């Protein structure tokens, strides 16, 4: 019976949220009746389930029968995913630009006109996010429609129960992981490109409320920042794939693992190839104290390699789990 649950879950995964429960009940009832009919003909239960599911065919194509195929900009198959991704990206950009604007207002004592311009800039950025995400999903929708039309003119490839995953995927943990990963990466992109000076060690002093010792080497920023942006873009794409959960498949999971591995390799290459860290950070933090300065250098180096180790361990663990499926 577990195969039936997995099959139904794979089918409703492609449907809008408001129709999922009704379709689940309908399929559960229909499949149960078909299996019972097979068993009444002296077919073993496991074999009966296999025959029924293969008769129903690919759950993705079965889901298509429940979808409204009217003309649309973004169809029901992708609409729920589109809203998820749009909300995540818009919230992340809003948070990042708001932090930049607030810090800018506080530290640069902007007048009212400049403050209004800052908020207008945030509004314009949100409009651009809306436009680009919508265009991206529109293109995916059109490409999918053309693929389906092309496939309809060709003989269907035989679908088998063996094509089902071994278990029902648990998207919640992956969804939250993808959500926070996406927001973190987008905020990091915004801050690195517009307010890089916010990254640093904040130290209290006698003359000012605090001094900020820069974490990154701003003198070489033009060399390493494009590569960091590329790395963060890969992280955003990887996390959005987790959030989207259009379909659970090995191909998607392998893609996420591959993207994570690429981002780790890029991170190592950036750290090794460029002077990304402020070369005088330890001296500025621990002036006239060589032992403490050496400890600061060691701490920064340790943090970098701990990040690499954790990511590689995660890649290996995900690979191991996926190979067992």
C-alpha atoms as a PDB file:
ATOM      1  CA  UNK A   1       0.000   0.000   0.000  1.00  0.00           C
ATOM      2  CA  UNK A   2       2.984   2.268   0.485  1.00  0.00           C
ATOM      3  CA  UNK A   3       3.522   2.384  -3.287  1.00  0.00           C
ATOM      4  CA  UNK A   4      -0.018   3.698  -3.692  1.00  0.00           C
ATOM      5  CA  UNK A   5       0.635   6.538  -1.228  1.00  0.00           C
ATOM      6  CA  UNK A   6       3.881   7.419  -3.005  1.00  0.00           C
ATOM      7  CA  UNK A   7       2.151   7.343  -6.403  1.00  0.00           C
ATOM      8  CA  UNK A   8      -0.681   9.625  -5.215  1.00  0.00           C
ATOM      9  CA  UNK A   9       1.811  12.015  -3.603  1.00  0.00           C
ATOM     10  CA  UNK A  10       3.813  12.184  -6.844  1.00  0.00           C
ATOM     11  CA  UNK A  11       0.614  12.982  -8.735  1.00  0.00           C
ATOM     12  CA  UNK A  12      -0.814  15.716  -6.460  1.00  0.00           C
ATOM     13  CA  UNK A  13       2.633  17.325  -6.181  1.00  0.00           C
ATOM     14  CA  UNK A  14       1.916  18.910  -9.573  1.00  0.00           C
ATOM     15  CA  UNK A  15      -1.510  20.266  -8.619  1.00  0.00           C
ATOM     16  CA  UNK A  16      -2.591  23.587  -7.051  1.00  0.00           C
ATOM     17  CA  UNK A  17      -2.952  23.435  -3.267  1.00  0.00           C
ATOM     18  CA  UNK A  18      -6.723  23.982  -3.300  1.00  0.00           C
ATOM     19  CA  UNK A  19      -7.332  20.829  -5.377  1.00  0.00           C
ATOM     20  CA  UNK A  20      -4.793  18.475  -3.801  1.00  0.00           C
ATOM     21  CA  UNK A  21      -6.958  16.990  -1.043  1.00  0.00           C
ATOM     22  CA  UNK A  22      -9.942  16.327  -3.321  1.00  0.00           C
ATOM     23  CA  UNK A  23      -7.752  14.633  -5.932  1.00  0.00           C
ATOM     24  CA  UNK A  24      -6.012  12.584  -3.205  1.00  0.00           C
ATOM     25  CA  UNK A  25      -9.342  11.220  -1.987  1.00  0.00           C
ATOM     26  CA  UNK A  26     -10.547  10.537  -5.508  1.00  0.00           C
ATOM     27  CA  UNK A  27      -7.362   8.692  -6.497  1.00  0.00           C
ATOM     28  CA  UNK A  28      -7.254   6.744  -3.225  1.00  0.00           C
ATOM     29  CA  UNK A  29     -10.794   5.506  -3.795  1.00  0.00           C
ATOM     30  CA  UNK A  30     -10.273   4.751  -7.498  1.00  0.00           C
ATOM     31  CA  UNK A  31      -6.978   2.884  -6.987  1.00  0.00           C
ATOM     32  CA  UNK A  32      -8.358   0.887  -4.039  1.00  0.00           C
ATOM     33  CA  UNK A  33     -11.298  -0.278  -6.142  1.00  0.00           C
ATOM     34  CA  UNK A  34      -9.018  -1.231  -9.057  1.00  0.00           C
ATOM     35  CA  UNK A  35      -6.650  -3.152  -6.768  1.00  0.00           C
ATOM     36  CA  UNK A  36      -9.536  -5.012  -5.117  1.00  0.00           C
ATOM     37  CA  UNK A  37     -10.830  -5.960  -8.561  1.00  0.00           C
ATOM     38  CA  UNK A  38      -7.409  -7.395  -9.447  1.00  0.00           C
ATOM     39  CA  UNK A  39      -7.168  -9.303  -6.151  1.00  0.00           C
ATOM     40  CA  UNK A  40     -10.619 -10.808  -6.736  1.00  0.00           C
ATOM     41  CA  UNK A  41      -9.117 -12.385  -9.847  1.00  0.00           C
ATOM     42  CA  UNK A  42      -6.575 -14.252  -7.667  1.00  0.00           C
ATOM     43  CA  UNK A  43      -3.760 -11.761  -8.252  1.00  0.00           C
ATOM     44  CA  UNK A  44      -1.386 -11.172  -5.329  1.00  0.00           C
ATOM     45  CA  UNK A  45      -1.754  -7.742  -3.690  1.00  0.00           C
ATOM     46  CA  UNK A  46       1.738  -6.510  -4.608  1.00  0.00           C
ATOM     47  CA  UNK A  47       1.307  -7.577  -8.228  1.00  0.00           C
ATOM     48  CA  UNK A  48      -2.206  -6.071  -8.304  1.00  0.00           C
ATOM     49  CA  UNK A  49      -0.861  -2.704  -7.118  1.00  0.00           C
ATOM     50  CA  UNK A  50       1.890  -2.777  -9.745  1.00  0.00           C
ATOM     51  CA  UNK A  51      -0.587  -3.536 -12.539  1.00  0.00           C
ATOM     52  CA  UNK A  52      -3.022  -0.821 -11.460  1.00  0.00           C
ATOM     53  CA  UNK A  53      -0.373   1.876 -11.112  1.00  0.00           C
ATOM     54  CA  UNK A  54       1.207   1.034 -14.448  1.00  0.00           C
ATOM     55  CA  UNK A  55      -2.238   1.081 -16.021  1.00  0.00           C
ATOM     56  CA  UNK A  56      -2.776   4.606 -14.663  1.00  0.00           C
ATOM     57  CA  UNK A  57       0.666   5.554 -15.985  1.00  0.00           C
ATOM     58  CA  UNK A  58       3.092   8.363 -15.218  1.00  0.00           C
ATOM     59  CA  UNK A  59       1.741  10.373 -12.227  1.00  0.00           C
ATOM     60  CA  UNK A  60       2.925  13.589 -13.907  1.00  0.00           C
ATOM     61  CA  UNK A  61       0.742  12.898 -16.955  1.00  0.00           C
ATOM     62  CA  UNK A  62      -2.133  11.811 -14.737  1.00  0.00           C
ATOM     63  CA  UNK A  63      -1.869  15.144 -12.905  1.00  0.00           C
ATOM     64  CA  UNK A  64      -2.141  16.948 -16.246  1.00  0.00           C
ATOM     65  CA  UNK A  65      -5.680  15.635 -16.608  1.00  0.00           C
ATOM     66  CA  UNK A  66      -6.708  17.514 -13.473  1.00  0.00           C
ATOM     67  CA  UNK A  67      -5.140  20.792 -14.608  1.00  0.00           C
ATOM     68  CA  UNK A  68      -7.076  23.481 -16.415  1.00  0.00           C
ATOM     69  CA  UNK A  69      -5.432  23.773 -19.846  1.00  0.00           C
ATOM     70  CA  UNK A  70      -6.869  27.211 -20.728  1.00  0.00           C
ATOM     71  CA  UNK A  71      -4.602  29.934 -22.090  1.00  0.00           C
ATOM     72  CA  UNK A  72      -2.656  31.621 -19.291  1.00  0.00           C
ATOM     73  CA  UNK A  73       0.519  33.533 -18.558  1.00  0.00           C
ATOM     74  CA  UNK A  74       1.595  31.154 -15.775  1.00  0.00           C
ATOM     75  CA  UNK A  75      -0.398  27.939 -15.607  1.00  0.00           C
ATOM     76  CA  UNK A  76      -1.703  26.090 -12.529  1.00  0.00           C
ATOM     77  CA  UNK A  77       1.195  23.631 -12.634  1.00  0.00           C
ATOM     78  CA  UNK A  78       3.681  26.393 -11.841  1.00  0.00           C
ATOM     79  CA  UNK A  79       1.481  29.070 -10.241  1.00  0.00           C
ATOM     80  CA  UNK A  80       1.958  27.916  -6.623  1.00  0.00           C
ATOM     81  CA  UNK A  81       5.713  27.632  -7.148  1.00  0.00           C
ATOM     82  CA  UNK A  82       5.764  31.031  -8.860  1.00  0.00           C
ATOM     83  CA  UNK A  83       4.098  32.673  -5.838  1.00  0.00           C
ATOM     84  CA  UNK A  84       6.539  30.993  -3.434  1.00  0.00           C
ATOM     85  CA  UNK A  85       9.611  32.088  -5.358  1.00  0.00           C
ATOM     86  CA  UNK A  86       8.225  35.603  -5.942  1.00  0.00           C
ATOM     87  CA  UNK A  87       7.538  36.116  -2.229  1.00  0.00           C
ATOM     88  CA  UNK A  88      10.949  34.841  -1.178  1.00  0.00           C
ATOM     89  CA  UNK A  89      12.920  36.964  -3.644  1.00  0.00           C
ATOM     90  CA  UNK A  90      10.840  40.107  -3.026  1.00  0.00           C
ATOM     91  CA  UNK A  91      11.118  39.772   0.769  1.00  0.00           C
ATOM     92  CA  UNK A  92      14.868  39.113   0.580  1.00  0.00           C
ATOM     93  CA  UNK A  93      15.495  42.120  -1.680  1.00  0.00           C
ATOM     94  CA  UNK A  94      13.241  44.270   0.538  1.00  0.00           C
ATOM     95  CA  UNK A  95      15.176  43.261   3.675  1.00  0.00           C
ATOM     96  CA  UNK A  96      18.566  43.804   2.044  1.00  0.00           C
ATOM     97  CA  UNK A  97      17.771  47.210   0.538  1.00  0.00           C
ATOM     98  CA  UNK A  98      15.957  48.351   3.701  1.00  0.00           C
ATOM     99  CA  UNK A  99      19.025  47.559   5.809  1.00  0.00           C
ATOM    100  CA  UNK A 100      21.201  49.493   3.350  1.00  0.00           C
ATOM    101  CA  UNK A 101      18.816  52.478   3.369  1.00  0.00           C
ATOM    102  CA  UNK A 102      18.442  52.597   7.159  1.00  0.00           C
ATOM    103  CA  UNK A 103      22.204  52.409   7.719  1.00  0.00           C
ATOM    104  CA  UNK A 104      22.715  55.059   5.039  1.00  0.00           C
ATOM    105  CA  UNK A 105      20.162  57.360   6.715  1.00  0.00           C
ATOM    106  CA  UNK A 106      21.736  56.922  10.166  1.00  0.00           C
ATOM    107  CA  UNK A 107      25.390  57.295   9.216  1.00  0.00           C
ATOM    108  CA  UNK A 108      25.126  59.872   6.427  1.00  0.00           C
ATOM    109  CA  UNK A 109      22.386  62.071   7.913  1.00  0.00           C
ATOM    110  CA  UNK A 110      20.349  62.157   4.714  1.00  0.00           C
ATOM    111  CA  UNK A 111      17.791  64.915   4.175  1.00  0.00           C
ATOM    112  CA  UNK A 112      14.122  64.186   3.487  1.00  0.00           C
ATOM    113  CA  UNK A 113      14.503  64.262  -0.300  1.00  0.00           C
ATOM    114  CA  UNK A 114      17.332  61.704  -0.193  1.00  0.00           C
ATOM    115  CA  UNK A 115      15.318  59.504   2.182  1.00  0.00           C
ATOM    116  CA  UNK A 116      12.355  59.574  -0.214  1.00  0.00           C
ATOM    117  CA  UNK A 117      14.689  58.701  -3.104  1.00  0.00           C
ATOM    118  CA  UNK A 118      15.963  55.704  -1.122  1.00  0.00           C
ATOM    119  CA  UNK A 119      12.448  54.346  -0.664  1.00  0.00           C
ATOM    120  CA  UNK A 120      11.590  55.046  -4.301  1.00  0.00           C
ATOM    121  CA  UNK A 121      14.679  53.010  -5.220  1.00  0.00           C
ATOM    122  CA  UNK A 122      13.418  50.108  -3.078  1.00  0.00           C
ATOM    123  CA  UNK A 123      10.015  50.301  -4.777  1.00  0.00           C
ATOM    124  CA  UNK A 124      11.630  50.278  -8.245  1.00  0.00           C
ATOM    125  CA  UNK A 125      13.803  47.301  -7.258  1.00  0.00           C
ATOM    126  CA  UNK A 126      10.708  45.370  -6.119  1.00  0.00           C
ATOM    127  CA  UNK A 127       8.992  46.103  -9.443  1.00  0.00           C
ATOM    128  CA  UNK A 128      12.036  44.776 -11.302  1.00  0.00           C
ATOM    129  CA  UNK A 129      12.067  41.612  -9.151  1.00  0.00           C
ATOM    130  CA  UNK A 130       8.380  41.067  -9.910  1.00  0.00           C
ATOM    131  CA  UNK A 131       8.963  41.564 -13.634  1.00  0.00           C
ATOM    132  CA  UNK A 132      12.007  39.276 -13.892  1.00  0.00           C
ATOM    133  CA  UNK A 133      10.546  36.426 -11.827  1.00  0.00           C
ATOM    134  CA  UNK A 134       7.310  36.607 -13.825  1.00  0.00           C
ATOM    135  CA  UNK A 135       9.198  36.586 -17.132  1.00  0.00           C
ATOM    136  CA  UNK A 136      11.322  33.628 -15.988  1.00  0.00           C
ATOM    137  CA  UNK A 137       8.264  31.532 -15.103  1.00  0.00           C
ATOM    138  CA  UNK A 138       6.465  32.622 -18.266  1.00  0.00           C
ATOM    139  CA  UNK A 139       9.376  31.285 -20.339  1.00  0.00           C
ATOM    140  CA  UNK A 140       9.375  28.026 -18.336  1.00  0.00           C
ATOM    141  CA  UNK A 141       5.618  27.710 -18.918  1.00  0.00           C
ATOM    142  CA  UNK A 142       5.991  28.263 -22.668  1.00  0.00           C
ATOM    143  CA  UNK A 143       8.898  25.810 -22.894  1.00  0.00           C
ATOM    144  CA  UNK A 144       6.898  23.197 -20.972  1.00  0.00           C
ATOM    145  CA  UNK A 145       3.865  23.703 -23.221  1.00  0.00           C
ATOM    146  CA  UNK A 146       5.971  23.202 -26.356  1.00  0.00           C
ATOM    147  CA  UNK A 147       7.574  20.080 -24.863  1.00  0.00           C
ATOM    148  CA  UNK A 148       4.192  18.588 -23.972  1.00  0.00           C
ATOM    149  CA  UNK A 149       2.854  19.354 -27.469  1.00  0.00           C
ATOM    150  CA  UNK A 150       5.893  17.698 -29.025  1.00  0.00           C
ATOM    151  CA  UNK A 151       5.610  14.675 -26.765  1.00  0.00           C
ATOM    152  CA  UNK A 152       1.924  14.265 -27.574  1.00  0.00           C
ATOM    153  CA  UNK A 153       2.860  13.628 -31.204  1.00  0.00           C
ATOM    154  CA  UNK A 154       5.291  10.869 -30.237  1.00  0.00           C
ATOM    155  CA  UNK A 155       4.650   7.415 -28.768  1.00  0.00           C
ATOM    156  CA  UNK A 156       4.617   7.462 -24.933  1.00  0.00           C
ATOM    157  CA  UNK A 157       7.608   5.927 -23.225  1.00  0.00           C
ATOM    158  CA  UNK A 158       6.502   3.011 -21.064  1.00  0.00           C
ATOM    159  CA  UNK A 159       6.203   4.123 -17.427  1.00  0.00           C
ATOM    160  CA  UNK A 160       6.956   1.639 -14.674  1.00  0.00           C
ATOM    161  CA  UNK A 161       6.348   1.505 -10.919  1.00  0.00           C
ATOM    162  CA  UNK A 162      10.141   1.267 -10.625  1.00  0.00           C
ATOM    163  CA  UNK A 163      10.254   4.940 -11.656  1.00  0.00           C
ATOM    164  CA  UNK A 164       8.628   5.939  -8.348  1.00  0.00           C
ATOM    165  CA  UNK A 165      10.880   7.042  -5.451  1.00  0.00           C
ATOM    166  CA  UNK A 166      11.209   4.555  -2.601  1.00  0.00           C
ATOM    167  CA  UNK A 167       9.503   6.860  -0.136  1.00  0.00           C
ATOM    168  CA  UNK A 168       7.346   9.960   0.050  1.00  0.00           C
ATOM    169  CA  UNK A 169       9.734  12.941   0.170  1.00  0.00           C
ATOM    170  CA  UNK A 170       9.487  15.271   3.148  1.00  0.00           C
ATOM    171  CA  UNK A 171       9.571  18.733   1.580  1.00  0.00           C
ATOM    172  CA  UNK A 172       9.143  20.786   4.784  1.00  0.00           C
ATOM    173  CA  UNK A 173      12.730  20.667   6.022  1.00  0.00           C
ATOM    174  CA  UNK A 174      14.032  21.211   2.503  1.00  0.00           C
ATOM    175  CA  UNK A 175      11.504  24.023   1.984  1.00  0.00           C
ATOM    176  CA  UNK A 176      12.599  25.934   5.099  1.00  0.00           C
ATOM    177  CA  UNK A 177      16.252  25.286   4.332  1.00  0.00           C
ATOM    178  CA  UNK A 178      15.732  26.671   0.835  1.00  0.00           C
ATOM    179  CA  UNK A 179      13.735  29.646   2.134  1.00  0.00           C
ATOM    180  CA  UNK A 180      16.350  30.860   4.605  1.00  0.00           C
ATOM    181  CA  UNK A 181      19.217  29.975   2.286  1.00  0.00           C
ATOM    182  CA  UNK A 182      17.699  32.072  -0.500  1.00  0.00           C
ATOM    183  CA  UNK A 183      17.012  35.051   1.764  1.00  0.00           C
ATOM    184  CA  UNK A 184      20.512  34.885   3.270  1.00  0.00           C
ATOM    185  CA  UNK A 185      22.218  34.730  -0.143  1.00  0.00           C
ATOM    186  CA  UNK A 186      20.134  37.559  -1.665  1.00  0.00           C
ATOM    187  CA  UNK A 187      20.688  39.829   1.351  1.00  0.00           C
ATOM    188  CA  UNK A 188      24.419  39.040   1.173  1.00  0.00           C
ATOM    189  CA  UNK A 189      24.493  40.034  -2.526  1.00  0.00           C
ATOM    190  CA  UNK A 190      22.736  43.339  -1.799  1.00  0.00           C
ATOM    191  CA  UNK A 191      24.991  44.244   1.139  1.00  0.00           C
ATOM    192  CA  UNK A 192      28.236  43.181  -0.553  1.00  0.00           C
ATOM    193  CA  UNK A 193      27.466  45.252  -3.636  1.00  0.00           C
ATOM    194  CA  UNK A 194      26.042  48.353  -1.964  1.00  0.00           C
ATOM    195  CA  UNK A 195      27.249  48.515   1.667  1.00  0.00           C
ATOM    196  CA  UNK A 196      30.299  46.298   1.966  1.00  0.00           C
ATOM    197  CA  UNK A 197      31.616  48.441   4.828  1.00  0.00           C
ATOM    198  CA  UNK A 198      28.918  46.968   7.089  1.00  0.00           C
ATOM    199  CA  UNK A 199      30.869  43.702   7.133  1.00  0.00           C
ATOM    200  CA  UNK A 200      33.463  44.129   9.820  1.00  0.00           C
ATOM    201  CA  UNK A 201      34.378  43.977  13.476  1.00  0.00           C
ATOM    202  CA  UNK A 202      32.658  46.689  15.530  1.00  0.00           C
ATOM    203  CA  UNK A 203      34.914  48.008  18.278  1.00  0.00           C
ATOM    204  CA  UNK A 204      34.136  50.640  20.892  1.00  0.00           C
ATOM    205  CA  UNK A 205      36.606  53.489  21.204  1.00  0.00           C
ATOM    206  CA  UNK A 206      37.060  56.581  23.341  1.00  0.00           C
ATOM    207  CA  UNK A 207      36.545  59.122  20.566  1.00  0.00           C
ATOM    208  CA  UNK A 208      33.549  57.551  18.807  1.00  0.00           C
ATOM    209  CA  UNK A 209      30.675  55.275  19.719  1.00  0.00           C
ATOM    210  CA  UNK A 210      32.493  52.535  17.821  1.00  0.00           C
ATOM    211  CA  UNK A 211      34.994  51.894  15.065  1.00  0.00           C
ATOM    212  CA  UNK A 212      34.434  49.381  12.289  1.00  0.00           C
ATOM    213  CA  UNK A 213      37.389  47.285  11.216  1.00  0.00           C
ATOM    214  CA  UNK A 214      36.585  46.110   7.641  1.00  0.00           C
ATOM    215  CA  UNK A 215      36.386  42.342   7.179  1.00  0.00           C
ATOM    216  CA  UNK A 216      36.896  42.382   3.412  1.00  0.00           C
ATOM    217  CA  UNK A 217      39.719  43.828   1.357  1.00  0.00           C
ATOM    218  CA  UNK A 218      37.977  46.692  -0.444  1.00  0.00           C
ATOM    219  CA  UNK A 219      41.113  47.584  -2.417  1.00  0.00           C
ATOM    220  CA  UNK A 220      40.851  44.327  -4.420  1.00  0.00           C
ATOM    221  CA  UNK A 221      37.042  44.213  -4.457  1.00  0.00           C
ATOM    222  CA  UNK A 222      36.808  44.658  -8.246  1.00  0.00           C
ATOM    223  CA  UNK A 223      38.754  41.388  -8.673  1.00  0.00           C
ATOM    224  CA  UNK A 224      36.880  39.081  -6.304  1.00  0.00           C
ATOM    225  CA  UNK A 225      33.361  40.557  -6.057  1.00  0.00           C
ATOM    226  CA  UNK A 226      32.130  39.277  -9.484  1.00  0.00           C
ATOM    227  CA  UNK A 227      33.156  35.740  -8.501  1.00  0.00           C
ATOM    228  CA  UNK A 228      31.478  36.064  -5.104  1.00  0.00           C
ATOM    229  CA  UNK A 229      28.311  37.266  -6.858  1.00  0.00           C
ATOM    230  CA  UNK A 230      28.471  34.226  -9.156  1.00  0.00           C
ATOM    231  CA  UNK A 231      28.874  31.921  -6.152  1.00  0.00           C
ATOM    232  CA  UNK A 232      25.929  33.531  -4.344  1.00  0.00           C
ATOM    233  CA  UNK A 233      23.809  33.333  -7.519  1.00  0.00           C
ATOM    234  CA  UNK A 234      24.453  29.566  -7.639  1.00  0.00           C
ATOM    235  CA  UNK A 235      23.455  29.313  -3.965  1.00  0.00           C
ATOM    236  CA  UNK A 236      20.236  31.252  -4.660  1.00  0.00           C
ATOM    237  CA  UNK A 237      19.339  28.985  -7.605  1.00  0.00           C
ATOM    238  CA  UNK A 238      20.075  25.864  -5.555  1.00  0.00           C
ATOM    239  CA  UNK A 239      17.883  27.035  -2.668  1.00  0.00           C
ATOM    240  CA  UNK A 240      15.054  28.154  -4.944  1.00  0.00           C
ATOM    241  CA  UNK A 241      15.013  24.635  -6.400  1.00  0.00           C
ATOM    242  CA  UNK A 242      14.422  23.332  -2.867  1.00  0.00           C
ATOM    243  CA  UNK A 243      11.623  25.815  -2.316  1.00  0.00           C
ATOM    244  CA  UNK A 244       9.977  25.193  -5.671  1.00  0.00           C
ATOM    245  CA  UNK A 245       9.504  21.424  -5.173  1.00  0.00           C
ATOM    246  CA  UNK A 246       7.801  21.215  -8.559  1.00  0.00           C
ATOM    247  CA  UNK A 247       8.610  17.529  -8.650  1.00  0.00           C
ATOM    248  CA  UNK A 248      10.640  15.209  -6.456  1.00  0.00           C
ATOM    249  CA  UNK A 249      13.127  13.456  -8.653  1.00  0.00           C
ATOM    250  CA  UNK A 250      16.649  12.181  -8.480  1.00  0.00           C
ATOM    251  CA  UNK A 251      17.575  14.528 -11.298  1.00  0.00           C
ATOM    252  CA  UNK A 252      16.521  17.564  -9.257  1.00  0.00           C
ATOM    253  CA  UNK A 253      18.311  16.333  -6.128  1.00  0.00           C
ATOM    254  CA  UNK A 254      21.482  15.601  -8.113  1.00  0.00           C
ATOM    255  CA  UNK A 255      21.267  19.111  -9.591  1.00  0.00           C
ATOM    256  CA  UNK A 256      21.073  20.641  -6.098  1.00  0.00           C
ATOM    257  CA  UNK A 257      24.058  18.578  -4.933  1.00  0.00           C
ATOM    258  CA  UNK A 258      26.032  19.546  -8.054  1.00  0.00           C
ATOM    259  CA  UNK A 259      25.273  23.261  -7.552  1.00  0.00           C
ATOM    260  CA  UNK A 260      26.294  23.072  -3.890  1.00  0.00           C
ATOM    261  CA  UNK A 261      29.561  21.380  -4.842  1.00  0.00           C
ATOM    262  CA  UNK A 262      30.266  24.055  -7.475  1.00  0.00           C
ATOM    263  CA  UNK A 263      29.580  26.824  -4.941  1.00  0.00           C
ATOM    264  CA  UNK A 264      31.981  25.210  -2.429  1.00  0.00           C
ATOM    265  CA  UNK A 265      34.693  24.877  -5.083  1.00  0.00           C
ATOM    266  CA  UNK A 266      34.166  28.519  -6.078  1.00  0.00           C
ATOM    267  CA  UNK A 267      34.387  29.566  -2.411  1.00  0.00           C
ATOM    268  CA  UNK A 268      37.709  27.740  -1.944  1.00  0.00           C
ATOM    269  CA  UNK A 269      39.077  29.149  -5.215  1.00  0.00           C
ATOM    270  CA  UNK A 270      38.091  32.711  -4.263  1.00  0.00           C
ATOM    271  CA  UNK A 271      39.686  32.449  -0.811  1.00  0.00           C
ATOM    272  CA  UNK A 272      42.898  30.909  -2.179  1.00  0.00           C
ATOM    273  CA  UNK A 273      43.242  33.065  -5.322  1.00  0.00           C
ATOM    274  CA  UNK A 274      42.242  36.527  -4.098  1.00  0.00           C
ATOM    275  CA  UNK A 275      43.097  38.750  -1.145  1.00  0.00           C
ATOM    276  CA  UNK A 276      39.460  38.808  -0.076  1.00  0.00           C
ATOM    277  CA  UNK A 277      40.082  39.329   3.644  1.00  0.00           C
ATOM    278  CA  UNK A 278      41.372  42.673   4.906  1.00  0.00           C
ATOM    279  CA  UNK A 279      45.148  42.005   5.272  1.00  0.00           C
ATOM    280  CA  UNK A 280      45.452  44.337   8.271  1.00  0.00           C
ATOM    281  CA  UNK A 281      42.386  43.164  10.189  1.00  0.00           C
ATOM    282  CA  UNK A 282      44.347  41.369  12.907  1.00  0.00           C
ATOM    283  CA  UNK A 283      46.680  44.346  13.455  1.00  0.00           C
ATOM    284  CA  UNK A 284      43.738  46.753  13.619  1.00  0.00           C
ATOM    285  CA  UNK A 285      41.851  44.583  16.089  1.00  0.00           C
ATOM    286  CA  UNK A 286      44.845  43.635  18.223  1.00  0.00           C
ATOM    287  CA  UNK A 287      47.220  46.570  17.883  1.00  0.00           C
ATOM    288  CA  UNK A 288      50.534  46.052  19.713  1.00  0.00           C
ATOM    289  CA  UNK A 289      49.578  42.525  20.736  1.00  0.00           C
ATOM    290  CA  UNK A 290      51.199  39.978  18.437  1.00  0.00           C
ATOM    291  CA  UNK A 291      49.805  36.938  20.254  1.00  0.00           C
ATOM    292  CA  UNK A 292      46.215  38.191  20.041  1.00  0.00           C
ATOM    293  CA  UNK A 293      46.738  39.236  16.412  1.00  0.00           C
ATOM    294  CA  UNK A 294      47.975  35.725  15.599  1.00  0.00           C
ATOM    295  CA  UNK A 295      44.884  34.277  17.315  1.00  0.00           C
ATOM    296  CA  UNK A 296      42.625  36.504  15.185  1.00  0.00           C
ATOM    297  CA  UNK A 297      44.332  35.314  11.972  1.00  0.00           C
ATOM    298  CA  UNK A 298      43.972  31.711  13.096  1.00  0.00           C
ATOM    299  CA  UNK A 299      40.302  32.210  13.963  1.00  0.00           C
ATOM    300  CA  UNK A 300      39.489  33.695  10.540  1.00  0.00           C
ATOM    301  CA  UNK A 301      41.318  30.858   8.774  1.00  0.00           C
ATOM    302  CA  UNK A 302      39.559  28.260  10.924  1.00  0.00           C
ATOM    303  CA  UNK A 303      36.105  29.728  10.223  1.00  0.00           C
ATOM    304  CA  UNK A 304      36.773  29.621   6.460  1.00  0.00           C
ATOM    305  CA  UNK A 305      37.810  25.972   6.467  1.00  0.00           C
ATOM    306  CA  UNK A 306      35.047  24.944   8.873  1.00  0.00           C
ATOM    307  CA  UNK A 307      32.541  26.373   6.344  1.00  0.00           C
ATOM    308  CA  UNK A 308      34.217  24.313   3.600  1.00  0.00           C
ATOM    309  CA  UNK A 309      34.265  21.147   5.734  1.00  0.00           C
ATOM    310  CA  UNK A 310      30.566  21.464   6.713  1.00  0.00           C
ATOM    311  CA  UNK A 311      29.496  21.959   3.088  1.00  0.00           C
ATOM    312  CA  UNK A 312      31.574  19.039   1.799  1.00  0.00           C
ATOM    313  CA  UNK A 313      30.228  16.816   4.587  1.00  0.00           C
ATOM    314  CA  UNK A 314      26.684  17.866   3.647  1.00  0.00           C
ATOM    315  CA  UNK A 315      27.323  17.092  -0.039  1.00  0.00           C
ATOM    316  CA  UNK A 316      28.670  13.634   0.841  1.00  0.00           C
ATOM    317  CA  UNK A 317      25.747  12.919   3.165  1.00  0.00           C
ATOM    318  CA  UNK A 318      23.159  13.980   0.562  1.00  0.00           C
ATOM    319  CA  UNK A 319      24.937  11.908  -2.078  1.00  0.00           C
ATOM    320  CA  UNK A 320      24.912   8.848   0.211  1.00  0.00           C
ATOM    321  CA  UNK A 321      21.190   9.266   0.933  1.00  0.00           C
ATOM    322  CA  UNK A 322      20.340   9.740  -2.730  1.00  0.00           C
ATOM    323  CA  UNK A 323      22.301   6.645  -3.777  1.00  0.00           C
ATOM    324  CA  UNK A 324      20.212   4.605  -1.337  1.00  0.00           C
ATOM    325  CA  UNK A 325      16.932   5.754  -2.904  1.00  0.00           C
END
